[in-house]
C-alpha atoms as a PDB file:
ATOM      1  CA  MET A   1      97.172  97.446 107.156  1.00  0.00           C
ATOM      2  CA  ALA A   2      96.144  94.011 107.145  1.00  0.00           C
ATOM      3  CA  GLY A   3      95.872  91.468 110.031  1.00  0.00           C
ATOM      4  CA  GLN A   4      93.585  89.769 112.315  1.00  0.00           C
ATOM      5  CA  GLY A   5      90.185  91.479 111.635  1.00  0.00           C
ATOM      6  CA  SER A   6      91.000  93.095 108.283  1.00  0.00           C
ATOM      7  CA  GLY A   7      88.568  92.317 104.917  1.00  0.00           C
ATOM      8  CA  GLY A   8      90.742  90.125 103.457  1.00  0.00           C
ATOM      9  CA  ASN A   9      90.978  88.226 106.196  1.00  0.00           C
ATOM     10  CA  VAL A  10      87.088  87.999 106.389  1.00  0.00           C
ATOM     11  CA  LEU A  11      86.712  86.973 103.225  1.00  0.00           C
ATOM     12  CA  ALA A  12      89.364  84.263 103.326  1.00  0.00           C
ATOM     13  CA  ALA A  13      87.624  82.696 106.271  1.00  0.00           C
ATOM     14  CA  LEU A  14      84.440  82.696 104.459  1.00  0.00           C
ATOM     15  CA  CYS A  15      86.023  81.071 101.498  1.00  0.00           C
ATOM     16  CA  SER A  16      87.606  78.525 103.961  1.00  0.00           C
ATOM     17  CA  PHE A  17      83.973  78.077 105.294  1.00  0.00           C
ATOM     18  CA  PHE A  18      82.577  76.360 102.091  1.00  0.00           C
ATOM     19  CA  ILE A  19      85.702  74.755 100.920  1.00  0.00           C
ATOM     20  CA  PRO A  20      88.478  74.228 103.575  1.00  0.00           C
ATOM     21  CA  GLY A  21      92.021  75.729 102.388  1.00  0.00           C
ATOM     22  CA  LEU A  22      90.555  78.069 100.015  1.00  0.00           C
ATOM     23  CA  GLY A  23      90.738  80.968 102.332  1.00  0.00           C
ATOM     24  CA  GLN A  24      94.596  80.650 102.700  1.00  0.00           C
ATOM     25  CA  LEU A  25      94.969  80.209  98.790  1.00  0.00           C
ATOM     26  CA  LEU A  26      93.438  83.369  98.473  1.00  0.00           C
ATOM     27  CA  GLN A  27      96.034  84.773 101.598  1.00  0.00           C
ATOM     28  CA  GLY A  28      99.138  82.842  99.329  1.00  0.00           C
ATOM     29  CA  ARG A  29      99.973  80.326 101.588  1.00  0.00           C
ATOM     30  CA  LEU A  30      99.293  77.365  98.675  1.00  0.00           C
ATOM     31  CA  LEU A  31     101.252  74.785 100.861  1.00  0.00           C
ATOM     32  CA  ILE A  32      98.609  75.172 104.424  1.00  0.00           C
ATOM     33  CA  ALA A  33      95.966  75.126 101.780  1.00  0.00           C
ATOM     34  CA  LEU A  34      96.410  72.019 100.005  1.00  0.00           C
ATOM     35  CA  PHE A  35      97.572  70.315 103.161  1.00  0.00           C
ATOM     36  CA  GLN A  36      93.914  71.348 104.980  1.00  0.00           C
ATOM     37  CA  PHE A  37      91.978  70.719 101.535  1.00  0.00           C
ATOM     38  CA  VAL A  38      93.378  67.211 101.640  1.00  0.00           C
ATOM     39  CA  LEU A  39      93.271  66.544 105.199  1.00  0.00           C
ATOM     40  CA  ALA A  40      89.368  67.471 105.178  1.00  0.00           C
ATOM     41  CA  ALA A  41      88.706  65.425 101.760  1.00  0.00           C
ATOM     42  CA  ILE A  42      89.541  62.478 104.057  1.00  0.00           C
ATOM     43  CA  LEU A  43      88.554  62.817 107.181  1.00  0.00           C
ATOM     44  CA  TRP A  44      84.992  63.497 105.566  1.00  0.00           C
ATOM     45  CA  PHE A  45      84.807  59.745 104.821  1.00  0.00           C
ATOM     46  CA  ILE A  46      84.879  59.263 108.640  1.00  0.00           C
ATOM     47  CA  TRP A  47      82.679  62.187 109.652  1.00  0.00           C
ATOM     48  CA  MET A  48      85.640  63.997 111.112  1.00  0.00           C
ATOM     49  CA  GLY A  49      86.112  66.892 108.369  1.00  0.00           C
ATOM     50  CA  TRP A  50      84.068  69.431 110.431  1.00  0.00           C
ATOM     51  CA  ILE A  51      87.246  69.540 112.646  1.00  0.00           C
ATOM     52  CA  ILE A  52      89.548  70.539 109.687  1.00  0.00           C
ATOM     53  CA  HIS A  53      87.109  73.135 108.753  1.00  0.00           C
ATOM     54  CA  LEU A  54      86.643  74.477 111.781  1.00  0.00           C
ATOM     55  CA  TRP A  55      90.510  74.663 111.632  1.00  0.00           C
ATOM     56  CA  SER A  56      90.752  76.361 108.454  1.00  0.00           C
ATOM     57  CA  VAL A  57      88.114  78.978 108.947  1.00  0.00           C
ATOM     58  CA  LEU A  58      89.928  80.164 112.273  1.00  0.00           C
ATOM     59  CA  ASN A  59      93.510  79.816 110.546  1.00  0.00           C
ATOM     60  CA  ALA A  60      92.474  82.148 107.778  1.00  0.00           C
ATOM     61  CA  ALA A  61      90.252  84.701 110.028  1.00  0.00           C
ATOM     62  CA  ARG A  62      93.326  85.119 112.462  1.00  0.00           C
ATOM     63  CA  TRP A  63      96.699  84.772 110.070  1.00  0.00           C
ATOM     64  CA  ARG A  64      98.749  87.744 109.819  1.00  0.00           C
ATOM     65  CA  PRO A  65     101.264  88.686 107.056  1.00  0.00           C
END
């Protein structure tokens, strides 16, 4: 049973911790993965990318198919 707290979501959250959007990409959610990656890249120039980084990790961990 996949869902919040499952091994797949934990792996996705860990991947998103290192690269925003990578966890969503592993879950097969291409559009949100691309959006988070691009937004984090843009916001890191003004030191606000950590917000998107956290959102990406939490979003991957809490996702239910």
